[in-house]
């Protein structure tokens, strides 16, 4: 039984060794010419003016919830639409309940003002 897993173990050891070798070669042979331009922050083109541990606005989380709502909807609607003939009425009702829950979440977001970009 153990001999069935030997090729996988050999593959993992060779892959890890090869990856380590390539990383070491890149570190040893790679050019190191740091200057002020390369070491400057590359976020928005200017230095940070606030602490990185600042609190986020609640609207950020509301937009994240909105993204999850639409992402889940698309992720579940495509396989459902493909197999609609096989799952029948039960699948149609189940998807209706699912979409109803998502609509309730969308209405909650709308009432909280997440769609207003002031």
PDB file of N, CA and C in Angstrom:
ATOM      1  N   UNK A   1       0.822  -1.193   0.000  1.00  0.00           N
ATOM      2  CA  UNK A   1       0.000   0.000   0.000  1.00  0.00           C
ATOM      3  C   UNK A   1       0.870   1.261   0.000  1.00  0.00           C
ATOM      4  N   UNK A   2       1.940   1.255   0.787  1.00  0.00           N
ATOM      5  CA  UNK A   2       2.801   2.420   0.881  1.00  0.00           C
ATOM      6  C   UNK A   2       3.568   2.669  -0.415  1.00  0.00           C
ATOM      7  N   UNK A   3       3.847   1.621  -1.174  1.00  0.00           N
ATOM      8  CA  UNK A   3       4.586   1.807  -2.417  1.00  0.00           C
ATOM      9  C   UNK A   3       3.755   2.550  -3.466  1.00  0.00           C
ATOM     10  N   UNK A   4       2.445   2.610  -3.296  1.00  0.00           N
ATOM     11  CA  UNK A   4       1.606   3.385  -4.211  1.00  0.00           C
ATOM     12  C   UNK A   4       1.834   4.888  -4.038  1.00  0.00           C
ATOM     13  N   UNK A   5       2.222   5.305  -2.840  1.00  0.00           N
ATOM     14  CA  UNK A   5       2.428   6.726  -2.559  1.00  0.00           C
ATOM     15  C   UNK A   5       3.876   7.170  -2.753  1.00  0.00           C
ATOM     16  N   UNK A   6       4.764   6.247  -3.029  1.00  0.00           N
ATOM     17  CA  UNK A   6       6.178   6.586  -3.216  1.00  0.00           C
ATOM     18  C   UNK A   6       6.401   7.553  -4.378  1.00  0.00           C
ATOM     19  N   UNK A   7       5.769   7.383  -5.540  1.00  0.00           N
ATOM     20  CA  UNK A   7       5.976   8.360  -6.618  1.00  0.00           C
ATOM     21  C   UNK A   7       5.520   9.776  -6.231  1.00  0.00           C
ATOM     22  N   UNK A   8       4.446   9.874  -5.462  1.00  0.00           N
ATOM     23  CA  UNK A   8       3.978  11.191  -5.025  1.00  0.00           C
ATOM     24  C   UNK A   8       4.988  11.815  -4.076  1.00  0.00           C
ATOM     25  N   UNK A   9       5.526  11.016  -3.162  1.00  0.00           N
ATOM     26  CA  UNK A   9       6.525  11.521  -2.226  1.00  0.00           C
ATOM     27  C   UNK A   9       7.784  11.976  -2.970  1.00  0.00           C
ATOM     28  N   UNK A  10       8.219  11.188  -3.947  1.00  0.00           N
ATOM     29  CA  UNK A  10       9.398  11.558  -4.735  1.00  0.00           C
ATOM     30  C   UNK A  10       9.139  12.853  -5.500  1.00  0.00           C
ATOM     31  N   UNK A  11       7.948  12.969  -6.084  1.00  0.00           N
ATOM     32  CA  UNK A  11       7.588  14.189  -6.808  1.00  0.00           C
ATOM     33  C   UNK A  11       7.615  15.408  -5.890  1.00  0.00           C
ATOM     34  N   UNK A  12       7.053  15.294  -4.697  1.00  0.00           N
ATOM     35  CA  UNK A  12       7.046  16.408  -3.758  1.00  0.00           C
ATOM     36  C   UNK A  12       8.455  16.806  -3.330  1.00  0.00           C
ATOM     37  N   UNK A  13       9.317  15.820  -3.090  1.00  0.00           N
ATOM     38  CA  UNK A  13      10.686  16.115  -2.687  1.00  0.00           C
ATOM     39  C   UNK A  13      11.445  16.803  -3.827  1.00  0.00           C
ATOM     40  N   UNK A  14      11.297  16.290  -5.045  1.00  0.00           N
ATOM     41  CA  UNK A  14      11.988  16.883  -6.192  1.00  0.00           C
ATOM     42  C   UNK A  14      11.455  18.294  -6.459  1.00  0.00           C
ATOM     43  N   UNK A  15      10.142  18.490  -6.393  1.00  0.00           N
ATOM     44  CA  UNK A  15       9.557  19.807  -6.636  1.00  0.00           C
ATOM     45  C   UNK A  15      10.003  20.805  -5.573  1.00  0.00           C
ATOM     46  N   UNK A  16      10.033  20.396  -4.315  1.00  0.00           N
ATOM     47  CA  UNK A  16      10.482  21.287  -3.247  1.00  0.00           C
ATOM     48  C   UNK A  16      11.956  21.622  -3.409  1.00  0.00           C
ATOM     49  N   UNK A  17      12.765  20.640  -3.745  1.00  0.00           N
ATOM     50  CA  UNK A  17      14.185  20.890  -3.959  1.00  0.00           C
ATOM     51  C   UNK A  17      14.430  21.811  -5.144  1.00  0.00           C
ATOM     52  N   UNK A  18      13.695  21.595  -6.228  1.00  0.00           N
ATOM     53  CA  UNK A  18      13.849  22.431  -7.414  1.00  0.00           C
ATOM     54  C   UNK A  18      13.420  23.869  -7.135  1.00  0.00           C
ATOM     55  N   UNK A  19      12.306  24.045  -6.423  1.00  0.00           N
ATOM     56  CA  UNK A  19      11.842  25.383  -6.071  1.00  0.00           C
ATOM     57  C   UNK A  19      12.851  26.080  -5.164  1.00  0.00           C
ATOM     58  N   UNK A  20      13.375  25.361  -4.189  1.00  0.00           N
ATOM     59  CA  UNK A  20      14.382  25.944  -3.299  1.00  0.00           C
ATOM     60  C   UNK A  20      15.648  26.320  -4.048  1.00  0.00           C
ATOM     61  N   UNK A  21      16.060  25.457  -4.981  1.00  0.00           N
ATOM     62  CA  UNK A  21      17.243  25.743  -5.788  1.00  0.00           C
ATOM     63  C   UNK A  21      17.055  27.006  -6.625  1.00  0.00           C
ATOM     64  N   UNK A  22      15.900  27.144  -7.275  1.00  0.00           N
ATOM     65  CA  UNK A  22      15.636  28.320  -8.096  1.00  0.00           C
ATOM     66  C   UNK A  22      15.560  29.592  -7.253  1.00  0.00           C
ATOM     67  N   UNK A  23      14.952  29.516  -6.082  1.00  0.00           N
ATOM     68  CA  UNK A  23      14.906  30.679  -5.204  1.00  0.00           C
ATOM     69  C   UNK A  23      16.299  31.077  -4.748  1.00  0.00           C
ATOM     70  N   UNK A  24      17.108  30.094  -4.388  1.00  0.00           N
ATOM     71  CA  UNK A  24      18.475  30.389  -3.942  1.00  0.00           C
ATOM     72  C   UNK A  24      19.298  30.986  -5.075  1.00  0.00           C
ATOM     73  N   UNK A  25      19.160  30.454  -6.284  1.00  0.00           N
ATOM     74  CA  UNK A  25      19.893  31.001  -7.426  1.00  0.00           C
ATOM     75  C   UNK A  25      19.459  32.432  -7.734  1.00  0.00           C
ATOM     76  N   UNK A  26      18.184  32.692  -7.653  1.00  0.00           N
ATOM     77  CA  UNK A  26      17.710  34.049  -7.885  1.00  0.00           C
ATOM     78  C   UNK A  26      18.220  35.012  -6.832  1.00  0.00           C
ATOM     79  N   UNK A  27      18.289  34.561  -5.595  1.00  0.00           N
ATOM     80  CA  UNK A  27      18.792  35.410  -4.518  1.00  0.00           C
ATOM     81  C   UNK A  27      20.292  35.665  -4.667  1.00  0.00           C
ATOM     82  N   UNK A  28      21.029  34.636  -5.060  1.00  0.00           N
ATOM     83  CA  UNK A  28      22.483  34.762  -5.168  1.00  0.00           C
ATOM     84  C   UNK A  28      22.876  35.534  -6.424  1.00  0.00           C
ATOM     85  N   UNK A  29      22.280  35.224  -7.560  1.00  0.00           N
ATOM     86  CA  UNK A  29      22.683  35.810  -8.830  1.00  0.00           C
ATOM     87  C   UNK A  29      21.931  37.084  -9.202  1.00  0.00           C
ATOM     88  N   UNK A  30      20.849  37.393  -8.503  1.00  0.00           N
ATOM     89  CA  UNK A  30      20.042  38.554  -8.851  1.00  0.00           C
ATOM     90  C   UNK A  30      20.751  39.863  -8.562  1.00  0.00           C
ATOM     91  N   UNK A  31      20.515  40.873  -9.404  1.00  0.00           N
ATOM     92  CA  UNK A  31      21.173  42.164  -9.189  1.00  0.00           C
ATOM     93  C   UNK A  31      20.584  42.873  -7.975  1.00  0.00           C
ATOM     94  N   UNK A  32      21.458  43.535  -7.215  1.00  0.00           N
ATOM     95  CA  UNK A  32      21.022  44.310  -6.055  1.00  0.00           C
ATOM     96  C   UNK A  32      21.525  45.734  -6.239  1.00  0.00           C
ATOM     97  N   UNK A  33      20.646  46.571  -6.750  1.00  0.00           N
ATOM     98  CA  UNK A  33      20.999  47.974  -6.939  1.00  0.00           C
ATOM     99  C   UNK A  33      19.897  48.845  -6.341  1.00  0.00           C
ATOM    100  N   UNK A  34      19.778  48.832  -5.020  1.00  0.00           N
ATOM    101  CA  UNK A  34      18.707  49.655  -4.425  1.00  0.00           C
ATOM    102  C   UNK A  34      19.020  51.138  -4.520  1.00  0.00           C
ATOM    103  N   UNK A  35      17.991  51.921  -4.722  1.00  0.00           N
ATOM    104  CA  UNK A  35      18.135  53.371  -4.680  1.00  0.00           C
ATOM    105  C   UNK A  35      16.877  53.954  -4.043  1.00  0.00           C
ATOM    106  N   UNK A  36      16.858  55.237  -3.868  1.00  0.00           N
ATOM    107  CA  UNK A  36      15.734  55.873  -3.171  1.00  0.00           C
ATOM    108  C   UNK A  36      14.428  55.681  -3.934  1.00  0.00           C
ATOM    109  N   UNK A  37      14.495  55.681  -5.247  1.00  0.00           N
ATOM    110  CA  UNK A  37      13.277  55.531  -6.053  1.00  0.00           C
ATOM    111  C   UNK A  37      12.672  54.137  -5.895  1.00  0.00           C
ATOM    112  N   UNK A  38      13.520  53.117  -5.890  1.00  0.00           N
ATOM    113  CA  UNK A  38      13.022  51.748  -5.746  1.00  0.00           C
ATOM    114  C   UNK A  38      12.522  51.466  -4.347  1.00  0.00           C
ATOM    115  N   UNK A  39      13.079  52.109  -3.347  1.00  0.00           N
ATOM    116  CA  UNK A  39      12.693  51.859  -1.967  1.00  0.00           C
ATOM    117  C   UNK A  39      11.541  52.739  -1.498  1.00  0.00           C
ATOM    118  N   UNK A  40      11.059  53.633  -2.346  1.00  0.00           N
ATOM    119  CA  UNK A  40       9.949  54.501  -1.954  1.00  0.00           C
ATOM    120  C   UNK A  40       8.644  53.711  -1.962  1.00  0.00           C
ATOM    121  N   UNK A  41       7.650  54.169  -1.194  1.00  0.00           N
ATOM    122  CA  UNK A  41       6.379  53.439  -1.142  1.00  0.00           C
ATOM    123  C   UNK A  41       5.649  53.502  -2.478  1.00  0.00           C
ATOM    124  N   UNK A  42       5.066  52.410  -2.868  1.00  0.00           N
ATOM    125  CA  UNK A  42       4.360  52.326  -4.143  1.00  0.00           C
ATOM    126  C   UNK A  42       2.896  52.006  -3.857  1.00  0.00           C
ATOM    127  N   UNK A  43       2.192  52.921  -3.278  1.00  0.00           N
ATOM    128  CA  UNK A  43       0.775  52.710  -3.018  1.00  0.00           C
ATOM    129  C   UNK A  43      -0.037  53.612  -3.939  1.00  0.00           C
ATOM    130  N   UNK A  44       0.032  54.895  -3.706  1.00  0.00           N
ATOM    131  CA  UNK A  44      -0.708  55.855  -4.510  1.00  0.00           C
ATOM    132  C   UNK A  44       0.192  56.934  -5.078  1.00  0.00           C
ATOM    133  N   UNK A  45       1.482  56.817  -4.861  1.00  0.00           N
ATOM    134  CA  UNK A  45       2.392  57.820  -5.371  1.00  0.00           C
ATOM    135  C   UNK A  45       2.835  58.824  -4.341  1.00  0.00           C
ATOM    136  N   UNK A  46       2.348  58.701  -3.109  1.00  0.00           N
ATOM    137  CA  UNK A  46       2.772  59.628  -2.066  1.00  0.00           C
ATOM    138  C   UNK A  46       2.918  58.876  -0.750  1.00  0.00           C
ATOM    139  N   UNK A  47       3.593  59.500   0.181  1.00  0.00           N
ATOM    140  CA  UNK A  47       3.827  58.883   1.478  1.00  0.00           C
ATOM    141  C   UNK A  47       2.508  58.731   2.238  1.00  0.00           C
ATOM    142  N   UNK A  48       2.435  57.714   3.056  1.00  0.00           N
ATOM    143  CA  UNK A  48       1.249  57.507   3.875  1.00  0.00           C
ATOM    144  C   UNK A  48       1.134  58.635   4.895  1.00  0.00           C
ATOM    145  N   UNK A  49      -0.071  59.152   5.070  1.00  0.00           N
ATOM    146  CA  UNK A  49      -0.250  60.259   5.999  1.00  0.00           C
ATOM    147  C   UNK A  49      -1.061  59.873   7.223  1.00  0.00           C
ATOM    148  N   UNK A  50      -1.444  58.604   7.348  1.00  0.00           N
ATOM    149  CA  UNK A  50      -2.156  58.126   8.518  1.00  0.00           C
ATOM    150  C   UNK A  50      -1.567  56.805   8.957  1.00  0.00           C
ATOM    151  N   UNK A  51      -1.984  56.385  10.133  1.00  0.00           N
ATOM    152  CA  UNK A  51      -1.552  55.102  10.665  1.00  0.00           C
ATOM    153  C   UNK A  51      -2.177  53.985   9.837  1.00  0.00           C
ATOM    154  N   UNK A  52      -1.440  52.927   9.622  1.00  0.00           N
ATOM    155  CA  UNK A  52      -1.960  51.811   8.832  1.00  0.00           C
ATOM    156  C   UNK A  52      -3.007  51.000   9.583  1.00  0.00           C
ATOM    157  N   UNK A  53      -3.108  51.204  10.872  1.00  0.00           N
ATOM    158  CA  UNK A  53      -4.088  50.478  11.674  1.00  0.00           C
ATOM    159  C   UNK A  53      -5.333  51.314  11.945  1.00  0.00           C
ATOM    160  N   UNK A  54      -5.647  52.208  11.019  1.00  0.00           N
ATOM    161  CA  UNK A  54      -6.811  53.071  11.216  1.00  0.00           C
ATOM    162  C   UNK A  54      -8.093  52.271  11.030  1.00  0.00           C
ATOM    163  N   UNK A  55      -9.176  52.782  11.569  1.00  0.00           N
ATOM    164  CA  UNK A  55     -10.473  52.127  11.439  1.00  0.00           C
ATOM    165  C   UNK A  55     -11.060  52.426  10.076  1.00  0.00           C
ATOM    166  N   UNK A  56     -11.709  51.433   9.501  1.00  0.00           N
ATOM    167  CA  UNK A  56     -12.356  51.608   8.216  1.00  0.00           C
ATOM    168  C   UNK A  56     -13.766  52.137   8.420  1.00  0.00           C
ATOM    169  N   UNK A  57     -14.225  52.867   7.440  1.00  0.00           N
ATOM    170  CA  UNK A  57     -15.591  53.354   7.471  1.00  0.00           C
ATOM    171  C   UNK A  57     -16.542  52.162   7.321  1.00  0.00           C
ATOM    172  N   UNK A  58     -17.722  52.283   7.896  1.00  0.00           N
ATOM    173  CA  UNK A  58     -18.698  51.201   7.835  1.00  0.00           C
ATOM    174  C   UNK A  58     -19.120  50.937   6.391  1.00  0.00           C
ATOM    175  N   UNK A  59     -19.086  51.971   5.559  1.00  0.00           N
ATOM    176  CA  UNK A  59     -19.479  51.783   4.162  1.00  0.00           C
ATOM    177  C   UNK A  59     -18.580  50.787   3.443  1.00  0.00           C
ATOM    178  N   UNK A  60     -17.333  50.698   3.881  1.00  0.00           N
ATOM    179  CA  UNK A  60     -16.430  49.718   3.281  1.00  0.00           C
ATOM    180  C   UNK A  60     -16.980  48.303   3.488  1.00  0.00           C
ATOM    181  N   UNK A  61     -17.423  48.012   4.693  1.00  0.00           N
ATOM    182  CA  UNK A  61     -17.954  46.684   4.988  1.00  0.00           C
ATOM    183  C   UNK A  61     -19.288  46.459   4.296  1.00  0.00           C
ATOM    184  N   UNK A  62     -20.074  47.502   4.157  1.00  0.00           N
ATOM    185  CA  UNK A  62     -21.338  47.354   3.445  1.00  0.00           C
ATOM    186  C   UNK A  62     -21.108  47.043   1.972  1.00  0.00           C
ATOM    187  N   UNK A  63     -20.112  47.671   1.386  1.00  0.00           N
ATOM    188  CA  UNK A  63     -19.779  47.365  -0.013  1.00  0.00           C
ATOM    189  C   UNK A  63     -19.258  45.938  -0.125  1.00  0.00           C
ATOM    190  N   UNK A  64     -18.493  45.489   0.865  1.00  0.00           N
ATOM    191  CA  UNK A  64     -18.005  44.107   0.854  1.00  0.00           C
ATOM    192  C   UNK A  64     -19.171  43.125   0.936  1.00  0.00           C
ATOM    193  N   UNK A  65     -20.151  43.424   1.770  1.00  0.00           N
ATOM    194  CA  UNK A  65     -21.333  42.558   1.862  1.00  0.00           C
ATOM    195  C   UNK A  65     -22.079  42.558   0.537  1.00  0.00           C
ATOM    196  N   UNK A  66     -22.184  43.718  -0.089  1.00  0.00           N
ATOM    197  CA  UNK A  66     -22.857  43.813  -1.381  1.00  0.00           C
ATOM    198  C   UNK A  66     -22.151  42.975  -2.439  1.00  0.00           C
ATOM    199  N   UNK A  67     -20.824  43.008  -2.426  1.00  0.00           N
ATOM    200  CA  UNK A  67     -20.063  42.182  -3.360  1.00  0.00           C
ATOM    201  C   UNK A  67     -20.335  40.705  -3.112  1.00  0.00           C
ATOM    202  N   UNK A  68     -20.354  40.309  -1.849  1.00  0.00           N
ATOM    203  CA  UNK A  68     -20.608  38.894  -1.532  1.00  0.00           C
ATOM    204  C   UNK A  68     -21.997  38.486  -1.994  1.00  0.00           C
ATOM    205  N   UNK A  69     -22.969  39.375  -1.829  1.00  0.00           N
ATOM    206  CA  UNK A  69     -24.332  39.045  -2.266  1.00  0.00           C
ATOM    207  C   UNK A  69     -24.351  38.743  -3.765  1.00  0.00           C
ATOM    208  N   UNK A  70     -23.780  39.630  -4.564  1.00  0.00           N
ATOM    209  CA  UNK A  70     -23.823  39.419  -6.009  1.00  0.00           C
ATOM    210  C   UNK A  70     -22.882  38.304  -6.457  1.00  0.00           C
ATOM    211  N   UNK A  71     -21.786  38.129  -5.768  1.00  0.00           N
ATOM    212  CA  UNK A  71     -20.870  37.045  -6.103  1.00  0.00           C
ATOM    213  C   UNK A  71     -21.523  35.696  -5.846  1.00  0.00           C
ATOM    214  N   UNK A  72     -22.185  35.552  -4.713  1.00  0.00           N
ATOM    215  CA  UNK A  72     -22.879  34.304  -4.411  1.00  0.00           C
ATOM    216  C   UNK A  72     -24.005  34.044  -5.400  1.00  0.00           C
ATOM    217  N   UNK A  73     -24.689  35.099  -5.748  1.00  0.00           N
ATOM    218  CA  UNK A  73     -25.793  34.937  -6.676  1.00  0.00           C
ATOM    219  C   UNK A  73     -25.314  34.375  -8.005  1.00  0.00           C
ATOM    220  N   UNK A  74     -24.262  34.933  -8.549  1.00  0.00           N
ATOM    221  CA  UNK A  74     -23.746  34.452  -9.831  1.00  0.00           C
ATOM    222  C   UNK A  74     -23.161  33.055  -9.695  1.00  0.00           C
ATOM    223  N   UNK A  75     -22.458  32.806  -8.582  1.00  0.00           N
ATOM    224  CA  UNK A  75     -21.818  31.503  -8.396  1.00  0.00           C
ATOM    225  C   UNK A  75     -22.839  30.376  -8.303  1.00  0.00           C
ATOM    226  N   UNK A  76     -24.026  30.668  -7.777  1.00  0.00           N
ATOM    227  CA  UNK A  76     -25.037  29.624  -7.645  1.00  0.00           C
ATOM    228  C   UNK A  76     -26.039  29.601  -8.786  1.00  0.00           C
ATOM    229  N   UNK A  77     -26.212  30.708  -9.481  1.00  0.00           N
ATOM    230  CA  UNK A  77     -27.198  30.738 -10.562  1.00  0.00           C
ATOM    231  C   UNK A  77     -26.745  29.966 -11.797  1.00  0.00           C
ATOM    232  N   UNK A  78     -25.473  29.998 -12.117  1.00  0.00           N
ATOM    233  CA  UNK A  78     -25.026  29.321 -13.337  1.00  0.00           C
ATOM    234  C   UNK A  78     -25.207  27.802 -13.268  1.00  0.00           C
ATOM    235  N   UNK A  79     -24.716  27.115 -12.209  1.00  0.00           N
ATOM    236  CA  UNK A  79     -24.950  25.665 -12.170  1.00  0.00           C
ATOM    237  C   UNK A  79     -26.435  25.315 -12.045  1.00  0.00           C
ATOM    238  N   UNK A  80     -27.190  26.166 -11.369  1.00  0.00           N
ATOM    239  CA  UNK A  80     -28.626  25.929 -11.235  1.00  0.00           C
ATOM    240  C   UNK A  80     -29.298  26.003 -12.601  1.00  0.00           C
ATOM    241  N   UNK A  81     -28.922  27.007 -13.406  1.00  0.00           N
ATOM    242  CA  UNK A  81     -29.532  27.161 -14.717  1.00  0.00           C
ATOM    243  C   UNK A  81     -29.165  26.009 -15.643  1.00  0.00           C
ATOM    244  N   UNK A  82     -27.968  25.487 -15.498  1.00  0.00           N
ATOM    245  CA  UNK A  82     -27.534  24.377 -16.349  1.00  0.00           C
ATOM    246  C   UNK A  82     -28.310  23.101 -16.014  1.00  0.00           C
ATOM    247  N   UNK A  83     -28.585  22.886 -14.735  1.00  0.00           N
ATOM    248  CA  UNK A  83     -29.239  21.641 -14.332  1.00  0.00           C
ATOM    249  C   UNK A  83     -30.711  21.837 -13.978  1.00  0.00           C
ATOM    250  N   UNK A  84     -31.358  22.856 -14.493  1.00  0.00           N
ATOM    251  CA  UNK A  84     -32.745  23.134 -14.140  1.00  0.00           C
ATOM    252  C   UNK A  84     -33.688  22.026 -14.585  1.00  0.00           C
ATOM    253  N   UNK A  85     -33.435  21.405 -15.720  1.00  0.00           N
ATOM    254  CA  UNK A  85     -34.295  20.307 -16.175  1.00  0.00           C
ATOM    255  C   UNK A  85     -34.248  19.120 -15.220  1.00  0.00           C
ATOM    256  N   UNK A  86     -33.086  18.848 -14.646  1.00  0.00           N
ATOM    257  CA  UNK A  86     -32.938  17.682 -13.773  1.00  0.00           C
ATOM    258  C   UNK A  86     -33.506  17.916 -12.381  1.00  0.00           C
ATOM    259  N   UNK A  87     -33.467  19.140 -11.864  1.00  0.00           N
ATOM    260  CA  UNK A  87     -33.905  19.357 -10.483  1.00  0.00           C
ATOM    261  C   UNK A  87     -35.367  19.750 -10.374  1.00  0.00           C
ATOM    262  N   UNK A  88     -35.977  20.200 -11.441  1.00  0.00           N
ATOM    263  CA  UNK A  88     -37.411  20.420 -11.496  1.00  0.00           C
ATOM    264  C   UNK A  88     -37.936  21.524 -10.596  1.00  0.00           C
ATOM    265  N   UNK A  89     -39.171  21.312 -10.115  1.00  0.00           N
ATOM    266  CA  UNK A  89     -39.871  22.323  -9.324  1.00  0.00           C
ATOM    267  C   UNK A  89     -39.188  22.572  -7.980  1.00  0.00           C
ATOM    268  N   UNK A  90     -38.677  21.523  -7.370  1.00  0.00           N
ATOM    269  CA  UNK A  90     -37.991  21.693  -6.081  1.00  0.00           C
ATOM    270  C   UNK A  90     -36.796  22.632  -6.228  1.00  0.00           C
ATOM    271  N   UNK A  91     -36.049  22.473  -7.286  1.00  0.00           N
ATOM    272  CA  UNK A  91     -34.907  23.359  -7.532  1.00  0.00           C
ATOM    273  C   UNK A  91     -35.339  24.780  -7.806  1.00  0.00           C
ATOM    274  N   UNK A  92     -36.463  24.946  -8.502  1.00  0.00           N
ATOM    275  CA  UNK A  92     -36.973  26.286  -8.783  1.00  0.00           C
ATOM    276  C   UNK A  92     -37.391  26.986  -7.494  1.00  0.00           C
ATOM    277  N   UNK A  93     -38.081  26.263  -6.617  1.00  0.00           N
ATOM    278  CA  UNK A  93     -38.514  26.845  -5.343  1.00  0.00           C
ATOM    279  C   UNK A  93     -37.303  27.135  -4.456  1.00  0.00           C
ATOM    280  N   UNK A  94     -36.340  26.222  -4.423  1.00  0.00           N
ATOM    281  CA  UNK A  94     -35.134  26.437  -3.616  1.00  0.00           C
ATOM    282  C   UNK A  94     -34.381  27.677  -4.079  1.00  0.00           C
ATOM    283  N   UNK A  95     -34.249  27.861  -5.376  1.00  0.00           N
ATOM    284  CA  UNK A  95     -33.557  29.037  -5.876  1.00  0.00           C
ATOM    285  C   UNK A  95     -34.363  30.295  -5.611  1.00  0.00           C
ATOM    286  N   UNK A  96     -35.675  30.196  -5.642  1.00  0.00           N
ATOM    287  CA  UNK A  96     -36.510  31.352  -5.298  1.00  0.00           C
ATOM    288  C   UNK A  96     -36.297  31.782  -3.859  1.00  0.00           C
ATOM    289  N   UNK A  97     -36.204  30.817  -2.945  1.00  0.00           N
ATOM    290  CA  UNK A  97     -35.937  31.133  -1.535  1.00  0.00           C
ATOM    291  C   UNK A  97     -34.544  31.752  -1.398  1.00  0.00           C
ATOM    292  N   UNK A  98     -33.576  31.182  -2.075  1.00  0.00           N
ATOM    293  CA  UNK A  98     -32.208  31.704  -2.021  1.00  0.00           C
ATOM    294  C   UNK A  98     -32.151  33.139  -2.524  1.00  0.00           C
ATOM    295  N   UNK A  99     -32.783  33.397  -3.674  1.00  0.00           N
ATOM    296  CA  UNK A  99     -32.784  34.747  -4.213  1.00  0.00           C
ATOM    297  C   UNK A  99     -33.570  35.697  -3.323  1.00  0.00           C
ATOM    298  N   UNK A 100     -34.600  35.197  -2.657  1.00  0.00           N
ATOM    299  CA  UNK A 100     -35.343  36.032  -1.717  1.00  0.00           C
ATOM    300  C   UNK A 100     -34.467  36.485  -0.561  1.00  0.00           C
ATOM    301  N   UNK A 101     -33.639  35.577  -0.031  1.00  0.00           N
ATOM    302  CA  UNK A 101     -32.723  35.938   1.048  1.00  0.00           C
ATOM    303  C   UNK A 101     -31.719  36.975   0.561  1.00  0.00           C
ATOM    304  N   UNK A 102     -31.230  36.811  -0.660  1.00  0.00           N
ATOM    305  CA  UNK A 102     -30.294  37.790  -1.207  1.00  0.00           C
ATOM    306  C   UNK A 102     -30.952  39.144  -1.426  1.00  0.00           C
ATOM    307  N   UNK A 103     -32.203  39.153  -1.839  1.00  0.00           N
ATOM    308  CA  UNK A 103     -32.915  40.416  -2.030  1.00  0.00           C
ATOM    309  C   UNK A 103     -33.116  41.118  -0.693  1.00  0.00           C
ATOM    310  N   UNK A 104     -33.388  40.357   0.364  1.00  0.00           N
ATOM    311  CA  UNK A 104     -33.511  40.957   1.693  1.00  0.00           C
ATOM    312  C   UNK A 104     -32.186  41.610   2.094  1.00  0.00           C
ATOM    313  N   UNK A 105     -31.064  40.949   1.829  1.00  0.00           N
ATOM    314  CA  UNK A 105     -29.760  41.538   2.109  1.00  0.00           C
ATOM    315  C   UNK A 105     -29.510  42.776   1.279  1.00  0.00           C
ATOM    316  N   UNK A 106     -29.930  42.752   0.021  1.00  0.00           N
ATOM    317  CA  UNK A 106     -29.763  43.919  -0.844  1.00  0.00           C
ATOM    318  C   UNK A 106     -30.601  45.093  -0.359  1.00  0.00           C
ATOM    319  N   UNK A 107     -31.815  44.834   0.064  1.00  0.00           N
ATOM    320  CA  UNK A 107     -32.685  45.897   0.592  1.00  0.00           C
ATOM    321  C   UNK A 107     -32.094  46.469   1.871  1.00  0.00           C
ATOM    322  N   UNK A 108     -31.532  45.622   2.713  1.00  0.00           N
ATOM    323  CA  UNK A 108     -30.866  46.096   3.933  1.00  0.00           C
ATOM    324  C   UNK A 108     -29.716  47.037   3.582  1.00  0.00           C
ATOM    325  N   UNK A 109     -28.922  46.649   2.610  1.00  0.00           N
ATOM    326  CA  UNK A 109     -27.812  47.506   2.180  1.00  0.00           C
ATOM    327  C   UNK A 109     -28.326  48.827   1.623  1.00  0.00           C
ATOM    328  N   UNK A 110     -29.380  48.770   0.853  1.00  0.00           N
ATOM    329  CA  UNK A 110     -29.939  49.972   0.267  1.00  0.00           C
ATOM    330  C   UNK A 110     -30.430  50.926   1.353  1.00  0.00           C
ATOM    331  N   UNK A 111     -31.105  50.364   2.371  1.00  0.00           N
ATOM    332  CA  UNK A 111     -31.597  51.190   3.471  1.00  0.00           C
ATOM    333  C   UNK A 111     -30.469  51.790   4.296  1.00  0.00           C
ATOM    334  N   UNK A 112     -29.350  51.100   4.403  1.00  0.00           N
ATOM    335  CA  UNK A 112     -28.210  51.616   5.156  1.00  0.00           C
ATOM    336  C   UNK A 112     -27.415  52.659   4.370  1.00  0.00           C
ATOM    337  N   UNK A 113     -27.706  52.815   3.093  1.00  0.00           N
ATOM    338  CA  UNK A 113     -27.052  53.830   2.287  1.00  0.00           C
ATOM    339  C   UNK A 113     -25.754  53.379   1.647  1.00  0.00           C
ATOM    340  N   UNK A 114     -25.563  52.093   1.476  1.00  0.00           N
ATOM    341  CA  UNK A 114     -24.302  51.605   0.895  1.00  0.00           C
ATOM    342  C   UNK A 114     -24.190  51.921  -0.584  1.00  0.00           C
ATOM    343  N   UNK A 115     -25.294  52.222  -1.234  1.00  0.00           N
ATOM    344  CA  UNK A 115     -25.256  52.495  -2.664  1.00  0.00           C
ATOM    345  C   UNK A 115     -25.090  53.980  -2.971  1.00  0.00           C
ATOM    346  N   UNK A 116     -25.026  54.801  -1.941  1.00  0.00           N
ATOM    347  CA  UNK A 116     -24.841  56.234  -2.134  1.00  0.00           C
ATOM    348  C   UNK A 116     -23.384  56.578  -1.928  1.00  0.00           C
ATOM    349  N   UNK A 117     -22.755  57.163  -2.925  1.00  0.00           N
ATOM    350  CA  UNK A 117     -21.314  57.447  -2.890  1.00  0.00           C
ATOM    351  C   UNK A 117     -21.086  58.938  -2.637  1.00  0.00           C
ATOM    352  N   UNK A 118     -21.317  59.347  -1.428  1.00  0.00           N
ATOM    353  CA  UNK A 118     -21.100  60.764  -1.069  1.00  0.00           C
ATOM    354  C   UNK A 118     -19.691  61.007  -0.628  1.00  0.00           C
TER     355      UNK A 118
END
